Amino acid sequence: MHHTPFKFLKLSTAFILFVTIYSCQQKEVALSDTYLKEDAEFRTRLSKGRDHYLKLVGLHALIQGTNIFGGAEENNIQLESDGIPATIGAIEITDNRVILTVADSLEVRLLENDSAISSWTYEFVESSANAPMMKYNHLEWQVIKRAEDYFLRVKDQNSEQAKYFKGFQAYPLQSSYVVEAEYEPFESIKTEEVNTQLGTNQQMDMVGKLAFQLEGENYQLSVGASGFLIVGDQTNDNTTYGGGRYVYVDLPESAGKITIDFNRLYNPPCVYSEFTTCPLPPSQNILPVKILAGEKHMRL
């Protein structure tokens, strides 16, 4: 009889503790219909934007000097696609200048205005990384510059991969991954070198940092121009791509609160094409936590 109150107290305490823990686990707030609609629209835009990368069929290093390209084996750049001529033309790289000379009798067109060209010159300036696209029948290509290296990136409108791609698996949407962050802009833009999927370095302009809480812990991310974030986390190389994922945030003109929606983390282009040049997350943007939100690397 004398022990009953003590036992009752222990049971009551345990019950209160259980209710408290259970209540903490039930904090997930339902996402609004407006949010769900906006997310569906975001997924549609994301899907349409992938068409370009899914049709990529080649990424060829260019040398300083003359590069002959086409279907023939003797070209220093051989393109593999149905119905292409032995030689399409020559691409000459001299410093920052690209000169394309088209083989006789071929009709190559500049994609941006559909004009026919027989020779064409483009000069890379500091802000440019991709020359305009060219086209011959179903084959398209452009010269791109990454750091001091030049590549010919080739696209095939008849790509089988694009025809059958249905998207990627994703984690369920969760309100707990829509977090508030404090944006603190840098006094001046900080240019940082990040690694790329190609193994080269790429310069990236960082405009500020974002401080936020996730699962009760404090974290920071460096944010790039236009609110571009490259984020790594502990799901990488497991359920998500090993090179991190991307997301955009809306940045104010000065310091203030912003929202990071980790549900919107999406796969970089190199997850669905090996012929891309994705920047990887800087070391300070690799979070020591699992972000169980956004796209996975497994295809549907």
C-alpha atoms as a PDB file:
ATOM      1  CA  MET A   1       0.000   0.000   0.000  1.00  0.00           C
ATOM      2  CA  HIS A   2       2.750   2.461   0.820  1.00  0.00           C
ATOM      3  CA  HIS A   3       4.406   1.904  -2.611  1.00  0.00           C
ATOM      4  CA  THR A   4       1.338   2.638  -4.742  1.00  0.00           C
ATOM      5  CA  PRO A   5       1.727   6.442  -4.922  1.00  0.00           C
ATOM      6  CA  PHE A   6       5.367   6.043  -6.026  1.00  0.00           C
ATOM      7  CA  LYS A   7       4.433   3.546  -8.746  1.00  0.00           C
ATOM      8  CA  PHE A   8       1.592   5.789  -9.871  1.00  0.00           C
ATOM      9  CA  LEU A   9       3.992   8.738 -10.040  1.00  0.00           C
ATOM     10  CA  LYS A  10       6.442   6.734 -12.165  1.00  0.00           C
ATOM     11  CA  LEU A  11       3.674   5.630 -14.529  1.00  0.00           C
ATOM     12  CA  SER A  12       2.298   9.153 -14.764  1.00  0.00           C
ATOM     13  CA  THR A  13       5.738  10.577 -15.502  1.00  0.00           C
ATOM     14  CA  ALA A  14       6.325   7.954 -18.155  1.00  0.00           C
ATOM     15  CA  PHE A  15       2.917   8.675 -19.677  1.00  0.00           C
ATOM     16  CA  ILE A  16       3.602  12.435 -19.755  1.00  0.00           C
ATOM     17  CA  LEU A  17       7.010  11.789 -21.313  1.00  0.00           C
ATOM     18  CA  PHE A  18       5.428   9.552 -23.980  1.00  0.00           C
ATOM     19  CA  VAL A  19       2.775  12.154 -24.783  1.00  0.00           C
ATOM     20  CA  THR A  20       5.437  14.869 -24.997  1.00  0.00           C
ATOM     21  CA  ILE A  21       7.611  12.849 -27.380  1.00  0.00           C
ATOM     22  CA  TYR A  22       4.602  11.800 -29.442  1.00  0.00           C
ATOM     23  CA  SER A  23       3.426  15.391 -29.657  1.00  0.00           C
ATOM     24  CA  CYS A  24       6.866  16.513 -30.851  1.00  0.00           C
ATOM     25  CA  GLN A  25       6.725  13.894 -33.579  1.00  0.00           C
ATOM     26  CA  GLN A  26       3.353  15.185 -34.761  1.00  0.00           C
ATOM     27  CA  LYS A  27       4.511  18.715 -35.566  1.00  0.00           C
ATOM     28  CA  GLU A  28       4.422  18.167 -39.331  1.00  0.00           C
ATOM     29  CA  VAL A  29       2.093  20.796 -40.761  1.00  0.00           C
ATOM     30  CA  ALA A  30      -0.023  19.967 -43.793  1.00  0.00           C
ATOM     31  CA  LEU A  31       1.046  21.775 -46.953  1.00  0.00           C
ATOM     32  CA  SER A  32      -1.588  24.090 -48.387  1.00  0.00           C
ATOM     33  CA  ASP A  33      -3.422  23.497 -51.644  1.00  0.00           C
ATOM     34  CA  THR A  34      -1.682  26.583 -53.033  1.00  0.00           C
ATOM     35  CA  TYR A  35       1.730  25.116 -52.186  1.00  0.00           C
ATOM     36  CA  LEU A  36       0.834  21.782 -53.799  1.00  0.00           C
ATOM     37  CA  LYS A  37      -0.352  23.548 -56.949  1.00  0.00           C
ATOM     38  CA  GLU A  38       2.820  25.652 -57.154  1.00  0.00           C
ATOM     39  CA  ASP A  39       4.934  22.546 -56.614  1.00  0.00           C
ATOM     40  CA  ALA A  40       3.163  20.738 -59.469  1.00  0.00           C
ATOM     41  CA  GLU A  41       3.866  23.715 -61.741  1.00  0.00           C
ATOM     42  CA  PHE A  42       7.516  23.683 -60.649  1.00  0.00           C
ATOM     43  CA  ARG A  43       7.807  19.966 -61.529  1.00  0.00           C
ATOM     44  CA  THR A  44       6.319  20.623 -64.972  1.00  0.00           C
ATOM     45  CA  ARG A  45       8.821  23.420 -65.689  1.00  0.00           C
ATOM     46  CA  LEU A  46      11.649  21.220 -64.418  1.00  0.00           C
ATOM     47  CA  SER A  47      10.595  18.370 -66.697  1.00  0.00           C
ATOM     48  CA  LYS A  48      10.460  20.594 -69.782  1.00  0.00           C
ATOM     49  CA  GLY A  49      13.885  22.050 -69.018  1.00  0.00           C
ATOM     50  CA  ARG A  50      15.481  18.607 -69.059  1.00  0.00           C
ATOM     51  CA  ASP A  51      14.764  17.993 -72.717  1.00  0.00           C
ATOM     52  CA  HIS A  52      18.031  19.680 -73.709  1.00  0.00           C
ATOM     53  CA  TYR A  53      20.210  17.511 -71.485  1.00  0.00           C
ATOM     54  CA  LEU A  54      18.464  14.246 -72.306  1.00  0.00           C
ATOM     55  CA  LYS A  55      19.281  14.766 -75.981  1.00  0.00           C
ATOM     56  CA  LEU A  56      23.010  15.257 -75.418  1.00  0.00           C
ATOM     57  CA  VAL A  57      25.056  12.521 -77.100  1.00  0.00           C
ATOM     58  CA  GLY A  58      28.633  13.775 -76.918  1.00  0.00           C
ATOM     59  CA  LEU A  59      31.139  16.036 -75.197  1.00  0.00           C
ATOM     60  CA  HIS A  60      34.460  16.242 -77.037  1.00  0.00           C
ATOM     61  CA  ALA A  61      37.597  18.085 -75.936  1.00  0.00           C
ATOM     62  CA  LEU A  62      38.793  20.644 -78.495  1.00  0.00           C
ATOM     63  CA  ILE A  63      42.430  21.451 -79.107  1.00  0.00           C
ATOM     64  CA  GLN A  64      43.941  24.837 -79.867  1.00  0.00           C
ATOM     65  CA  GLY A  65      44.106  24.871 -83.645  1.00  0.00           C
ATOM     66  CA  THR A  66      41.948  22.931 -86.119  1.00  0.00           C
ATOM     67  CA  ASN A  67      39.385  20.292 -85.132  1.00  0.00           C
ATOM     68  CA  ILE A  68      37.717  18.289 -87.944  1.00  0.00           C
ATOM     69  CA  PHE A  69      34.363  16.784 -86.984  1.00  0.00           C
ATOM     70  CA  GLY A  70      31.833  14.455 -88.605  1.00  0.00           C
ATOM     71  CA  GLY A  71      31.110  10.735 -88.940  1.00  0.00           C
ATOM     72  CA  ALA A  72      34.449   9.587 -90.393  1.00  0.00           C
ATOM     73  CA  GLU A  73      36.935   7.702 -88.218  1.00  0.00           C
ATOM     74  CA  GLU A  74      39.845   9.782 -89.501  1.00  0.00           C
ATOM     75  CA  ASN A  75      38.380  12.988 -88.019  1.00  0.00           C
ATOM     76  CA  ASN A  76      39.939  13.974 -84.706  1.00  0.00           C
ATOM     77  CA  ILE A  77      36.323  14.285 -83.493  1.00  0.00           C
ATOM     78  CA  GLN A  78      34.090  11.442 -84.657  1.00  0.00           C
ATOM     79  CA  LEU A  79      30.354  11.871 -84.139  1.00  0.00           C
ATOM     80  CA  GLU A  80      28.165   8.796 -83.860  1.00  0.00           C
ATOM     81  CA  SER A  81      24.657   9.317 -85.166  1.00  0.00           C
ATOM     82  CA  ASP A  82      22.569   8.060 -88.062  1.00  0.00           C
ATOM     83  CA  GLY A  83      22.671   9.934 -91.346  1.00  0.00           C
ATOM     84  CA  ILE A  84      25.537  12.357 -90.733  1.00  0.00           C
ATOM     85  CA  PRO A  85      28.202  13.080 -93.371  1.00  0.00           C
ATOM     86  CA  ALA A  86      31.823  12.010 -93.086  1.00  0.00           C
ATOM     87  CA  THR A  87      32.870  15.604 -92.464  1.00  0.00           C
ATOM     88  CA  ILE A  88      30.578  18.398 -91.288  1.00  0.00           C
ATOM     89  CA  GLY A  89      33.294  20.992 -91.004  1.00  0.00           C
ATOM     90  CA  ALA A  90      36.264  22.350 -89.104  1.00  0.00           C
ATOM     91  CA  ILE A  91      36.337  24.231 -85.815  1.00  0.00           C
ATOM     92  CA  GLU A  92      39.414  26.340 -85.235  1.00  0.00           C
ATOM     93  CA  ILE A  93      40.233  27.481 -81.706  1.00  0.00           C
ATOM     94  CA  THR A  94      42.601  30.436 -81.431  1.00  0.00           C
ATOM     95  CA  ASP A  95      42.850  32.011 -77.980  1.00  0.00           C
ATOM     96  CA  ASN A  96      39.224  32.969 -77.159  1.00  0.00           C
ATOM     97  CA  ARG A  97      38.003  32.852 -80.752  1.00  0.00           C
ATOM     98  CA  VAL A  98      36.074  30.064 -82.460  1.00  0.00           C
ATOM     99  CA  ILE A  99      35.914  29.863 -86.261  1.00  0.00           C
ATOM    100  CA  LEU A 100      33.586  27.325 -87.902  1.00  0.00           C
ATOM    101  CA  THR A 101      34.101  26.432 -91.564  1.00  0.00           C
ATOM    102  CA  VAL A 102      31.362  24.224 -93.035  1.00  0.00           C
ATOM    103  CA  ALA A 103      32.153  21.487 -95.553  1.00  0.00           C
ATOM    104  CA  ASP A 104      31.121  22.208 -99.148  1.00  0.00           C
ATOM    105  CA  SER A 105      27.505  21.468-100.134  1.00  0.00           C
ATOM    106  CA  LEU A 106      26.280  21.071 -96.532  1.00  0.00           C
ATOM    107  CA  GLU A 107      23.526  23.279 -95.116  1.00  0.00           C
ATOM    108  CA  VAL A 108      24.410  24.147 -91.535  1.00  0.00           C
ATOM    109  CA  ARG A 109      22.157  26.616 -89.744  1.00  0.00           C
ATOM    110  CA  LEU A 110      22.527  28.908 -86.759  1.00  0.00           C
ATOM    111  CA  LEU A 111      19.765  27.757 -84.436  1.00  0.00           C
ATOM    112  CA  GLU A 112      18.916  31.103 -82.819  1.00  0.00           C
ATOM    113  CA  ASN A 113      17.707  32.697 -86.071  1.00  0.00           C
ATOM    114  CA  ASP A 114      17.645  29.690 -88.454  1.00  0.00           C
ATOM    115  CA  SER A 115      20.095  31.360 -90.835  1.00  0.00           C
ATOM    116  CA  ALA A 116      22.290  29.272 -93.149  1.00  0.00           C
ATOM    117  CA  ILE A 117      26.056  29.670 -92.641  1.00  0.00           C
ATOM    118  CA  SER A 118      29.163  28.506 -94.465  1.00  0.00           C
ATOM    119  CA  SER A 119      31.642  30.153 -92.096  1.00  0.00           C
ATOM    120  CA  TRP A 120      31.094  31.752 -88.723  1.00  0.00           C
ATOM    121  CA  THR A 121      33.163  33.370 -85.974  1.00  0.00           C
ATOM    122  CA  TYR A 122      32.451  33.688 -82.267  1.00  0.00           C
ATOM    123  CA  GLU A 123      34.591  35.285 -79.589  1.00  0.00           C
ATOM    124  CA  PHE A 124      34.248  34.286 -75.947  1.00  0.00           C
ATOM    125  CA  VAL A 125      34.214  37.175 -73.496  1.00  0.00           C
ATOM    126  CA  GLU A 126      34.515  36.965 -69.719  1.00  0.00           C
ATOM    127  CA  SER A 127      30.784  36.526 -69.144  1.00  0.00           C
ATOM    128  CA  SER A 128      30.192  33.895 -71.852  1.00  0.00           C
ATOM    129  CA  ALA A 129      30.565  30.150 -71.417  1.00  0.00           C
ATOM    130  CA  ASN A 130      28.487  28.719 -74.269  1.00  0.00           C
ATOM    131  CA  ALA A 131      28.625  29.683 -77.932  1.00  0.00           C
ATOM    132  CA  PRO A 132      25.318  29.620 -79.893  1.00  0.00           C
ATOM    133  CA  MET A 133      23.940  26.294 -81.132  1.00  0.00           C
ATOM    134  CA  MET A 134      24.451  25.070 -84.716  1.00  0.00           C
ATOM    135  CA  LYS A 135      22.312  22.565 -86.573  1.00  0.00           C
ATOM    136  CA  TYR A 136      22.589  20.032 -89.383  1.00  0.00           C
ATOM    137  CA  ASN A 137      19.437  17.929 -89.875  1.00  0.00           C
ATOM    138  CA  HIS A 138      18.665  16.312 -86.480  1.00  0.00           C
ATOM    139  CA  LEU A 139      22.155  16.978 -85.085  1.00  0.00           C
ATOM    140  CA  GLU A 140      22.960  20.116 -83.064  1.00  0.00           C
ATOM    141  CA  TRP A 141      26.181  21.288 -81.443  1.00  0.00           C
ATOM    142  CA  GLN A 142      27.879  24.180 -79.677  1.00  0.00           C
ATOM    143  CA  VAL A 143      31.339  25.059 -78.445  1.00  0.00           C
ATOM    144  CA  ILE A 144      31.499  25.583 -74.692  1.00  0.00           C
ATOM    145  CA  LYS A 145      34.286  26.971 -72.540  1.00  0.00           C
ATOM    146  CA  ARG A 146      34.975  25.720 -69.026  1.00  0.00           C
ATOM    147  CA  ALA A 147      37.863  27.460 -67.265  1.00  0.00           C
ATOM    148  CA  GLU A 148      40.508  27.512 -70.031  1.00  0.00           C
ATOM    149  CA  ASP A 149      39.279  24.347 -71.777  1.00  0.00           C
ATOM    150  CA  TYR A 150      37.035  24.111 -74.843  1.00  0.00           C
ATOM    151  CA  PHE A 151      34.574  21.336 -75.672  1.00  0.00           C
ATOM    152  CA  LEU A 152      32.188  20.465 -78.490  1.00  0.00           C
ATOM    153  CA  ARG A 153      28.846  19.506 -76.965  1.00  0.00           C
ATOM    154  CA  VAL A 154      26.614  17.540 -79.328  1.00  0.00           C
ATOM    155  CA  LYS A 155      22.848  17.044 -79.199  1.00  0.00           C
ATOM    156  CA  ASP A 156      20.641  14.635 -81.172  1.00  0.00           C
ATOM    157  CA  GLN A 157      16.952  15.483 -81.584  1.00  0.00           C
ATOM    158  CA  ASN A 158      16.306  11.775 -82.269  1.00  0.00           C
ATOM    159  CA  SER A 159      17.750  10.680 -78.924  1.00  0.00           C
ATOM    160  CA  GLU A 160      16.148   7.505 -77.598  1.00  0.00           C
ATOM    161  CA  GLN A 161      16.909   8.529 -74.013  1.00  0.00           C
ATOM    162  CA  ALA A 162      14.705  11.611 -74.288  1.00  0.00           C
ATOM    163  CA  LYS A 163      11.816   9.596 -75.693  1.00  0.00           C
ATOM    164  CA  TYR A 164      11.580   7.208 -72.748  1.00  0.00           C
ATOM    165  CA  PHE A 165      12.602   9.368 -69.795  1.00  0.00           C
ATOM    166  CA  LYS A 166       9.784   9.631 -67.224  1.00  0.00           C
ATOM    167  CA  GLY A 167      11.516  11.562 -64.453  1.00  0.00           C
ATOM    168  CA  PHE A 168      13.140  10.792 -61.119  1.00  0.00           C
ATOM    169  CA  GLN A 169      11.806   9.439 -57.874  1.00  0.00           C
ATOM    170  CA  ALA A 170      11.464  12.024 -55.099  1.00  0.00           C
ATOM    171  CA  TYR A 171      10.934  12.118 -51.358  1.00  0.00           C
ATOM    172  CA  PRO A 172       7.397  12.941 -50.161  1.00  0.00           C
ATOM    173  CA  LEU A 173       6.768  16.654 -49.713  1.00  0.00           C
ATOM    174  CA  GLN A 174       7.273  17.724 -46.087  1.00  0.00           C
ATOM    175  CA  SER A 175       6.598  21.113 -44.510  1.00  0.00           C
ATOM    176  CA  SER A 176       9.522  20.609 -42.094  1.00  0.00           C
ATOM    177  CA  TYR A 177      11.893  21.060 -45.028  1.00  0.00           C
ATOM    178  CA  VAL A 178      10.532  24.509 -45.828  1.00  0.00           C
ATOM    179  CA  VAL A 179      12.774  26.544 -43.517  1.00  0.00           C
ATOM    180  CA  GLU A 180      13.295  30.200 -42.726  1.00  0.00           C
ATOM    181  CA  ALA A 181      16.838  31.515 -43.118  1.00  0.00           C
ATOM    182  CA  GLU A 182      18.677  34.745 -42.406  1.00  0.00           C
ATOM    183  CA  TYR A 183      20.354  36.126 -45.506  1.00  0.00           C
ATOM    184  CA  GLU A 184      23.564  38.060 -44.921  1.00  0.00           C
ATOM    185  CA  PRO A 185      25.094  39.484 -48.109  1.00  0.00           C
ATOM    186  CA  PHE A 186      28.857  39.767 -48.401  1.00  0.00           C
ATOM    187  CA  GLU A 187      30.325  43.267 -48.582  1.00  0.00           C
ATOM    188  CA  SER A 188      31.542  42.341 -52.057  1.00  0.00           C
ATOM    189  CA  ILE A 189      31.069  39.300 -54.273  1.00  0.00           C
ATOM    190  CA  LYS A 190      33.417  36.430 -53.425  1.00  0.00           C
ATOM    191  CA  THR A 191      34.610  34.407 -56.403  1.00  0.00           C
ATOM    192  CA  GLU A 192      35.232  30.793 -55.449  1.00  0.00           C
ATOM    193  CA  GLU A 193      36.583  27.890 -57.463  1.00  0.00           C
ATOM    194  CA  VAL A 194      34.403  24.791 -57.314  1.00  0.00           C
ATOM    195  CA  ASN A 195      35.041  21.373 -58.800  1.00  0.00           C
ATOM    196  CA  THR A 196      32.962  20.082 -61.693  1.00  0.00           C
ATOM    197  CA  GLN A 197      31.803  16.670 -62.832  1.00  0.00           C
ATOM    198  CA  LEU A 198      34.419  16.924 -65.618  1.00  0.00           C
ATOM    199  CA  GLY A 199      37.218  17.156 -63.062  1.00  0.00           C
ATOM    200  CA  THR A 200      37.924  20.761 -63.994  1.00  0.00           C
ATOM    201  CA  ASN A 201      37.503  23.859 -61.821  1.00  0.00           C
ATOM    202  CA  GLN A 202      34.805  26.461 -62.358  1.00  0.00           C
ATOM    203  CA  GLN A 203      34.573  29.922 -60.869  1.00  0.00           C
ATOM    204  CA  MET A 204      31.372  30.698 -59.014  1.00  0.00           C
ATOM    205  CA  ASP A 205      30.320  34.064 -57.617  1.00  0.00           C
ATOM    206  CA  MET A 206      29.087  33.851 -54.010  1.00  0.00           C
ATOM    207  CA  VAL A 207      26.937  36.788 -52.926  1.00  0.00           C
ATOM    208  CA  GLY A 208      26.217  35.922 -49.277  1.00  0.00           C
ATOM    209  CA  LYS A 209      25.425  33.296 -46.682  1.00  0.00           C
ATOM    210  CA  LEU A 210      22.224  31.765 -45.357  1.00  0.00           C
ATOM    211  CA  ALA A 211      21.898  30.795 -41.686  1.00  0.00           C
ATOM    212  CA  PHE A 212      19.062  28.451 -40.712  1.00  0.00           C
ATOM    213  CA  GLN A 213      17.957  25.688 -38.381  1.00  0.00           C
ATOM    214  CA  LEU A 214      17.102  22.153 -39.406  1.00  0.00           C
ATOM    215  CA  GLU A 215      16.063  19.466 -36.939  1.00  0.00           C
ATOM    216  CA  GLY A 216      17.135  21.771 -34.109  1.00  0.00           C
ATOM    217  CA  GLU A 217      20.686  22.281 -35.395  1.00  0.00           C
ATOM    218  CA  ASN A 218      22.225  25.454 -36.858  1.00  0.00           C
ATOM    219  CA  TYR A 219      23.689  25.424 -40.372  1.00  0.00           C
ATOM    220  CA  GLN A 220      25.011  27.841 -42.998  1.00  0.00           C
ATOM    221  CA  LEU A 221      25.148  27.762 -46.787  1.00  0.00           C
ATOM    222  CA  SER A 222      26.970  29.998 -49.242  1.00  0.00           C
ATOM    223  CA  VAL A 223      24.587  31.266 -51.895  1.00  0.00           C
ATOM    224  CA  GLY A 224      25.492  32.189 -55.445  1.00  0.00           C
ATOM    225  CA  ALA A 225      24.276  34.907 -57.759  1.00  0.00           C
ATOM    226  CA  SER A 226      20.529  34.859 -58.532  1.00  0.00           C
ATOM    227  CA  GLY A 227      19.951  32.783 -55.390  1.00  0.00           C
ATOM    228  CA  PHE A 228      21.588  29.640 -56.775  1.00  0.00           C
ATOM    229  CA  LEU A 229      22.445  27.018 -54.147  1.00  0.00           C
ATOM    230  CA  ILE A 230      24.494  23.853 -54.603  1.00  0.00           C
ATOM    231  CA  VAL A 231      23.815  21.636 -51.598  1.00  0.00           C
ATOM    232  CA  GLY A 232      25.465  18.400 -50.514  1.00  0.00           C
ATOM    233  CA  ASP A 233      24.148  16.234 -47.675  1.00  0.00           C
ATOM    234  CA  GLN A 234      24.450  12.780 -46.149  1.00  0.00           C
ATOM    235  CA  THR A 235      22.035  11.156 -48.598  1.00  0.00           C
ATOM    236  CA  ASN A 236      24.527  11.763 -51.439  1.00  0.00           C
ATOM    237  CA  ASP A 237      25.981   8.545 -52.893  1.00  0.00           C
ATOM    238  CA  ASN A 238      23.091   6.697 -51.306  1.00  0.00           C
ATOM    239  CA  THR A 239      19.563   7.717 -52.294  1.00  0.00           C
ATOM    240  CA  THR A 240      20.627  10.944 -54.010  1.00  0.00           C
ATOM    241  CA  TYR A 241      23.298  11.929 -56.512  1.00  0.00           C
ATOM    242  CA  GLY A 242      26.835  11.909 -55.101  1.00  0.00           C
ATOM    243  CA  GLY A 243      27.614  15.365 -56.451  1.00  0.00           C
ATOM    244  CA  GLY A 244      24.854  17.161 -54.535  1.00  0.00           C
ATOM    245  CA  ARG A 245      21.676  18.844 -55.737  1.00  0.00           C
ATOM    246  CA  TYR A 246      20.564  22.325 -56.730  1.00  0.00           C
ATOM    247  CA  VAL A 247      17.869  24.714 -55.537  1.00  0.00           C
ATOM    248  CA  TYR A 248      17.099  28.405 -56.041  1.00  0.00           C
ATOM    249  CA  VAL A 249      15.994  30.888 -53.363  1.00  0.00           C
ATOM    250  CA  ASP A 250      14.572  34.390 -53.700  1.00  0.00           C
ATOM    251  CA  LEU A 251      17.140  36.839 -52.347  1.00  0.00           C
ATOM    252  CA  PRO A 252      16.225  40.305 -51.054  1.00  0.00           C
ATOM    253  CA  GLU A 253      18.304  43.345 -52.014  1.00  0.00           C
ATOM    254  CA  SER A 254      19.702  43.566 -48.472  1.00  0.00           C
ATOM    255  CA  ALA A 255      19.984  41.400 -45.352  1.00  0.00           C
ATOM    256  CA  GLY A 256      16.763  39.774 -44.227  1.00  0.00           C
ATOM    257  CA  LYS A 257      14.699  36.635 -43.897  1.00  0.00           C
ATOM    258  CA  ILE A 258      14.242  34.274 -46.829  1.00  0.00           C
ATOM    259  CA  THR A 259      12.795  30.797 -47.349  1.00  0.00           C
ATOM    260  CA  ILE A 260      14.755  27.703 -48.362  1.00  0.00           C
ATOM    261  CA  ASP A 261      12.484  24.977 -49.702  1.00  0.00           C
ATOM    262  CA  PHE A 262      14.479  21.744 -49.640  1.00  0.00           C
ATOM    263  CA  ASN A 263      11.516  19.965 -51.230  1.00  0.00           C
ATOM    264  CA  ARG A 264      12.619  21.778 -54.390  1.00  0.00           C
ATOM    265  CA  LEU A 265      16.115  20.233 -54.426  1.00  0.00           C
ATOM    266  CA  TYR A 266      16.579  18.943 -57.949  1.00  0.00           C
ATOM    267  CA  ASN A 267      19.169  16.849 -59.721  1.00  0.00           C
ATOM    268  CA  PRO A 268      21.943  18.581 -61.674  1.00  0.00           C
ATOM    269  CA  PRO A 269      22.158  17.881 -65.414  1.00  0.00           C
ATOM    270  CA  CYS A 270      24.947  15.317 -64.992  1.00  0.00           C
ATOM    271  CA  VAL A 271      22.499  12.902 -63.342  1.00  0.00           C
ATOM    272  CA  TYR A 272      20.746  12.329 -66.664  1.00  0.00           C
ATOM    273  CA  SER A 273      23.610  12.972 -69.081  1.00  0.00           C
ATOM    274  CA  GLU A 274      27.342  12.256 -68.879  1.00  0.00           C
ATOM    275  CA  PHE A 275      27.927  15.018 -71.431  1.00  0.00           C
ATOM    276  CA  THR A 276      27.416  17.904 -69.031  1.00  0.00           C
ATOM    277  CA  THR A 277      29.710  20.023 -66.854  1.00  0.00           C
ATOM    278  CA  CYS A 278      27.976  20.326 -63.486  1.00  0.00           C
ATOM    279  CA  PRO A 279      29.561  22.372 -60.695  1.00  0.00           C
ATOM    280  CA  LEU A 280      29.793  20.427 -57.427  1.00  0.00           C
ATOM    281  CA  PRO A 281      29.013  21.822 -53.950  1.00  0.00           C
ATOM    282  CA  PRO A 282      31.758  23.845 -52.247  1.00  0.00           C
ATOM    283  CA  SER A 283      32.980  22.226 -49.037  1.00  0.00           C
ATOM    284  CA  GLN A 284      31.027  24.623 -46.786  1.00  0.00           C
ATOM    285  CA  ASN A 285      27.776  23.608 -48.514  1.00  0.00           C
ATOM    286  CA  ILE A 286      28.072  19.898 -47.693  1.00  0.00           C
ATOM    287  CA  LEU A 287      25.748  19.525 -44.716  1.00  0.00           C
ATOM    288  CA  PRO A 288      26.413  16.888 -42.011  1.00  0.00           C
ATOM    289  CA  VAL A 289      22.771  15.817 -42.032  1.00  0.00           C
ATOM    290  CA  LYS A 290      20.433  13.807 -44.238  1.00  0.00           C
ATOM    291  CA  ILE A 291      18.100  15.982 -46.304  1.00  0.00           C
ATOM    292  CA  LEU A 292      15.226  13.546 -46.891  1.00  0.00           C
ATOM    293  CA  ALA A 293      13.576  15.880 -49.379  1.00  0.00           C
ATOM    294  CA  GLY A 294      13.734  16.674 -53.070  1.00  0.00           C
ATOM    295  CA  GLU A 295      14.722  14.474 -55.971  1.00  0.00           C
ATOM    296  CA  LYS A 296      16.456  11.115 -55.653  1.00  0.00           C
ATOM    297  CA  HIS A 297      18.796   9.808 -58.337  1.00  0.00           C
ATOM    298  CA  MET A 298      16.683   6.753 -59.180  1.00  0.00           C
ATOM    299  CA  ARG A 299      14.675   7.060 -62.381  1.00  0.00           C
ATOM    300  CA  LEU A 300      10.992   6.283 -62.559  1.00  0.00           C
END
